[in-house]
Protein backbone atom coordinates (compact mmCIF):
# COMPACT_ATOMS: atom_id res chain seq x y z
CA UNK A 1 -194.65 59.31 -53.90
CA UNK A 2 -196.58 57.15 -56.36
CA UNK A 3 -196.00 59.76 -59.08
CA UNK A 4 -192.55 61.31 -59.27
CA UNK A 5 -192.46 62.96 -62.71
CA UNK A 6 -194.83 64.38 -65.33
CA UNK A 7 -193.80 61.65 -67.76
CA UNK A 8 -194.84 58.96 -65.33
CA UNK A 9 -198.05 60.75 -64.29
CA UNK A 10 -199.22 61.28 -67.81
CA UNK A 11 -198.47 57.63 -68.63
CA UNK A 12 -201.31 56.62 -66.27
CA UNK A 13 -203.89 57.52 -68.93
CA UNK A 14 -202.96 54.52 -71.06
CA UNK A 15 -201.42 52.32 -68.33
CA UNK A 16 -203.33 49.57 -66.50
CA UNK A 17 -203.81 51.78 -63.45
CA UNK A 18 -205.39 54.54 -65.55
CA UNK A 19 -207.70 52.13 -67.36
CA UNK A 20 -208.80 50.59 -64.03
CA UNK A 21 -209.30 54.04 -62.42
CA UNK A 22 -211.21 55.21 -65.46
CA UNK A 23 -213.46 52.12 -65.25
CA UNK A 24 -214.10 52.73 -61.59
CA UNK A 25 -215.01 56.39 -62.18
CA UNK A 26 -217.33 55.47 -65.07
CA UNK A 27 -219.17 53.15 -62.72
CA UNK A 28 -219.58 56.13 -60.40
CA UNK A 29 -221.00 58.25 -63.22
CA UNK A 30 -217.82 60.24 -63.97
CA UNK A 31 -216.04 60.77 -67.30
CA UNK A 32 -212.38 61.87 -67.24
CA UNK A 33 -212.09 64.47 -70.02
CA UNK A 34 -208.50 65.57 -69.27
CA UNK A 35 -205.78 63.77 -67.28
CA UNK A 36 -203.89 66.59 -65.56
CA UNK A 37 -201.04 66.49 -63.02
CA UNK A 38 -199.32 69.22 -61.06
CA UNK A 39 -196.12 68.98 -59.05
CA UNK A 40 -195.49 70.69 -55.75
CA UNK A 41 -192.74 71.48 -53.26
CA UNK A 42 -192.00 72.74 -49.77
CA UNK A 43 -191.71 76.29 -48.48
CA UNK A 44 -189.84 76.51 -45.19
CA UNK A 45 -189.06 79.36 -42.77
CA UNK A 46 -186.28 77.54 -40.90
CA UNK A 47 -184.14 75.16 -42.98
CA UNK A 48 -184.53 73.43 -46.38
CA UNK A 49 -186.74 70.33 -46.23
CA UNK A 50 -184.98 68.03 -48.68
CA UNK A 51 -184.17 64.67 -47.07
CA UNK A 52 -186.73 62.96 -44.80
CA UNK A 53 -184.57 63.62 -41.78
CA UNK A 54 -184.83 67.39 -42.42
CA UNK A 55 -188.48 67.25 -41.33
CA UNK A 56 -187.68 65.90 -37.85
CA UNK A 57 -188.98 68.13 -35.05
CA UNK A 58 -190.51 70.71 -37.39
CA UNK A 59 -194.16 71.76 -37.56
CA UNK A 60 -195.22 70.99 -41.15
CA UNK A 61 -198.49 71.09 -43.14
CA UNK A 62 -198.64 68.11 -45.49
CA UNK A 63 -202.01 68.99 -46.96
CA UNK A 64 -203.49 65.47 -46.94
CA UNK A 65 -203.92 62.45 -44.69
CA UNK A 66 -201.42 60.49 -46.78
CA UNK A 67 -198.71 63.16 -46.72
CA UNK A 68 -199.23 63.62 -43.01
CA UNK A 69 -198.59 59.93 -42.40
CA UNK A 70 -195.28 60.20 -44.28
CA UNK A 71 -194.24 63.37 -42.39
CA UNK A 72 -195.10 61.81 -39.00
CA UNK A 73 -192.94 58.81 -39.86
CA UNK A 74 -190.12 61.20 -40.75
CA UNK A 75 -190.44 62.77 -37.27
CA UNK A 76 -192.35 65.96 -38.06
CA UNK A 77 -195.19 67.43 -36.02
CA UNK A 78 -198.13 67.61 -38.43
CA UNK A 79 -200.17 70.81 -38.64
CA UNK A 80 -203.65 70.67 -40.14
CA UNK A 81 -205.11 73.94 -41.41
CA UNK A 82 -206.76 75.35 -44.56
CA UNK A 83 -204.60 76.64 -47.40
CA UNK A 84 -205.59 80.25 -46.78
CA UNK A 85 -204.15 80.10 -43.26
CA UNK A 86 -200.67 78.92 -44.25
CA UNK A 87 -199.23 82.42 -44.64
CA UNK A 88 -200.31 83.61 -41.20
CA UNK A 89 -199.17 80.39 -39.50
CA UNK A 90 -195.71 80.66 -41.06
CA UNK A 91 -195.51 84.35 -40.35
CA UNK A 92 -196.13 83.85 -36.60
CA UNK A 93 -194.02 80.70 -36.34
CA UNK A 94 -196.97 78.46 -35.57
CA UNK A 95 -195.80 76.45 -38.57
CA UNK A 96 -192.29 75.87 -39.95
CA UNK A 97 -193.06 74.56 -43.44
CA UNK A 98 -195.84 73.72 -45.89
CA UNK A 99 -196.18 71.40 -48.86
CA UNK A 100 -198.43 72.50 -51.71
CA UNK A 101 -198.47 72.85 -55.49
CA UNK A 102 -196.00 75.10 -57.26
CA UNK A 103 -198.90 77.35 -58.33
CA UNK A 104 -200.13 77.72 -54.76
CA UNK A 105 -196.59 78.38 -53.48
CA UNK A 106 -196.69 81.43 -55.79
CA UNK A 107 -200.30 82.59 -55.32
CA UNK A 108 -200.15 82.35 -51.49
CA UNK A 109 -197.04 84.64 -51.55
CA UNK A 110 -195.22 82.27 -49.19
CA UNK A 111 -191.89 83.65 -50.41
CA UNK A 112 -192.57 86.60 -48.07
CA UNK A 113 -192.42 84.30 -45.01
CA UNK A 114 -189.99 81.63 -46.26
CA UNK A 115 -186.24 81.33 -46.34
CA UNK A 116 -186.13 78.06 -48.30
CA UNK A 117 -187.91 76.31 -51.16
CA UNK A 118 -187.70 72.71 -52.30
CA UNK A 119 -189.05 72.71 -55.85
CA UNK A 120 -190.98 70.15 -57.90
CA UNK A 121 -188.74 70.72 -60.93
CA UNK A 122 -187.45 67.51 -62.48
CA UNK A 123 -188.36 65.07 -59.71
CA UNK A 124 -190.92 65.31 -56.91
CA UNK A 125 -192.66 63.05 -54.38
CA UNK A 126 -195.61 65.45 -54.17
CA UNK A 127 -197.93 65.36 -57.22
CA UNK A 128 -201.59 66.33 -57.42
CA UNK A 129 -204.03 64.74 -59.85
CA UNK A 130 -206.30 67.53 -61.15
CA UNK A 131 -208.48 66.01 -63.86
CA UNK A 132 -211.23 67.74 -65.79
CA UNK A 133 -214.32 65.66 -65.12
CA UNK A 134 -217.78 65.46 -66.67
CA UNK A 135 -221.03 63.84 -65.66
CA UNK A 136 -221.47 60.51 -67.50
CA UNK A 137 -225.25 61.08 -67.51
CA UNK A 138 -224.73 64.30 -69.51
CA UNK A 139 -221.96 62.85 -71.68
CA UNK A 140 -224.17 59.87 -72.64
CA UNK A 141 -226.97 62.20 -73.87
CA UNK A 142 -224.63 63.71 -76.46
CA UNK A 143 -224.19 62.45 -79.98
CA UNK A 144 -221.11 60.42 -80.93
CA UNK A 145 -219.62 63.37 -82.81
CA UNK A 146 -220.10 65.68 -79.82
CA UNK A 147 -218.56 63.13 -77.47
CA UNK A 148 -215.57 62.72 -79.77
CA UNK A 149 -215.10 66.49 -79.96
CA UNK A 150 -215.15 66.84 -76.15
CA UNK A 151 -212.58 64.07 -75.68
CA UNK A 152 -210.39 65.52 -78.45
CA UNK A 153 -210.43 68.99 -76.83
CA UNK A 154 -209.78 67.34 -73.47
CA UNK A 155 -206.68 65.61 -74.85
CA UNK A 156 -205.46 68.93 -76.33
CA UNK A 157 -205.92 70.59 -72.93
CA UNK A 158 -203.64 67.99 -71.32
CA UNK A 159 -200.70 69.26 -73.32
CA UNK A 160 -201.49 72.86 -72.36
CA UNK A 161 -201.92 71.93 -68.68
CA UNK A 162 -198.66 70.00 -68.59
CA UNK A 163 -196.72 72.86 -70.15
CA UNK A 164 -198.31 75.38 -67.80
CA UNK A 165 -197.70 73.29 -64.69
CA UNK A 166 -194.01 72.81 -65.62
CA UNK A 167 -193.68 76.55 -66.24
CA UNK A 168 -195.00 77.14 -62.72
CA UNK A 169 -192.39 74.71 -61.38
CA UNK A 170 -189.71 76.92 -62.89
CA UNK A 171 -191.43 80.19 -62.11
CA UNK A 172 -191.79 79.40 -58.40
CA UNK A 173 -188.03 78.90 -58.19
CA UNK A 174 -187.44 82.32 -59.78
CA UNK A 175 -189.96 84.01 -57.46
CA UNK A 176 -188.33 82.58 -54.31
CA UNK A 177 -184.78 83.28 -55.53
CA UNK A 178 -185.73 86.88 -56.15
CA UNK A 179 -187.04 87.11 -52.58
CA UNK A 180 -183.71 85.82 -51.31
CA UNK A 181 -184.73 82.28 -50.46
CA UNK A 182 -182.45 79.25 -50.87
CA UNK A 183 -183.86 77.08 -53.69
CA UNK A 184 -183.16 73.31 -53.80
CA UNK A 185 -184.20 70.64 -56.34
CA UNK A 186 -184.71 66.95 -55.54
CA UNK A 187 -182.51 64.11 -56.78
CA UNK A 188 -183.70 60.63 -57.76
CA UNK A 189 -182.01 59.23 -54.67
CA UNK A 190 -183.81 61.62 -52.35
CA UNK A 191 -187.19 60.89 -53.88
CA UNK A 192 -186.56 57.19 -53.38
CA UNK A 193 -185.88 57.79 -49.67
CA UNK A 194 -189.26 59.53 -49.36
CA UNK A 195 -190.88 56.66 -51.28
CA UNK A 196 -189.39 54.17 -48.87
CA UNK A 197 -191.28 55.88 -46.03
CA UNK A 198 -194.42 56.12 -48.15
CA UNK A 199 -194.44 52.33 -48.78
CA UNK A 200 -194.80 51.55 -45.07
CA UNK A 201 -197.18 54.40 -44.24
CA UNK A 202 -199.36 56.11 -46.88
CA UNK A 203 -199.27 53.27 -49.42
CA UNK A 204 -199.98 50.63 -46.76
CA UNK A 205 -202.80 52.71 -45.33
CA UNK A 206 -204.38 53.20 -48.77
CA UNK A 207 -203.97 49.56 -49.78
CA UNK A 208 -205.77 48.39 -46.66
CA UNK A 209 -208.89 50.49 -47.30
CA UNK A 210 -210.48 48.06 -49.75
CA UNK A 211 -209.82 45.36 -52.32
CA UNK A 212 -210.08 47.95 -55.09
CA UNK A 213 -207.62 50.28 -53.35
CA UNK A 214 -205.13 47.45 -53.05
CA UNK A 215 -205.56 46.67 -56.77
CA UNK A 216 -205.08 50.31 -57.85
CA UNK A 217 -202.01 50.66 -55.61
CA UNK A 218 -200.43 47.54 -57.12
CA UNK A 219 -201.12 48.78 -60.68
CA UNK A 220 -199.80 52.27 -59.84
CA UNK A 221 -196.50 50.81 -58.63
CA UNK A 222 -196.01 49.18 -62.03
CA UNK A 223 -195.56 52.66 -63.51
CA UNK A 224 -192.68 53.55 -61.19
C-alpha cells in the first residue's frame, strides 16, 4: 500500500525515500542500476476480492509477511505456500484466493482455477520492487565512462520495464475475461481503505524494526 501507481513508484528514484534507500544499499555494497516496479492483483475461485471486507473468512495467500498482516486484519485466513503450489491449492479448494504480480497471474495459468480477478490496472495496493542490481565492488573497478554507460542503459531499461509491466496489467485482464472470469479494477477510494489497514499493521510492523526502517517509512509516505 505504500506504492499505489507506477507514477508514484517511479518517482522514488529521485524522491527523498529513493535517495535514502540508494544510500543504504550503497553502504551494503549494492548499486541500483534500474528502478523497476510491477503491479499485481488477486485471483479468486469464490468471489471478487475488492474491498477489505471481501477477504473475511477466506483462505488467501498474500505472498509476504506484510501482506499477510493486512489480510489477517481484514479477517482472512492466511495461507503460506510457494508460488508453484498456488494452482494446486486453488484447484483443490485448499485456498480461495492468491495475490501475486500480473505476470505471475498469467504464467501460473490461474485463470483455469479462478472465477474472479482484481487487476492492478490504474490503481493497486500490491506493488513489487524489482530493481536490477550490481555489485558495488565490481562497479567501482570500472572506468567512469563504463559506469556512465551502465547507468544510462539501466535508465533506458526502466522505460521498457514500465511499459512491459503495464502491458501485463492489461493482458492479464484479457486472459481472465477470455476464460470467463469476472474482472474488476480498483478505485482510489478502495485503495485508501486497504491503506488504512496497512497503516496499523504492515507499516507499523516495518517502522518498528529499526530506526532506519522508521525513517524510510516516513519518507515513503511523503510520496503518497
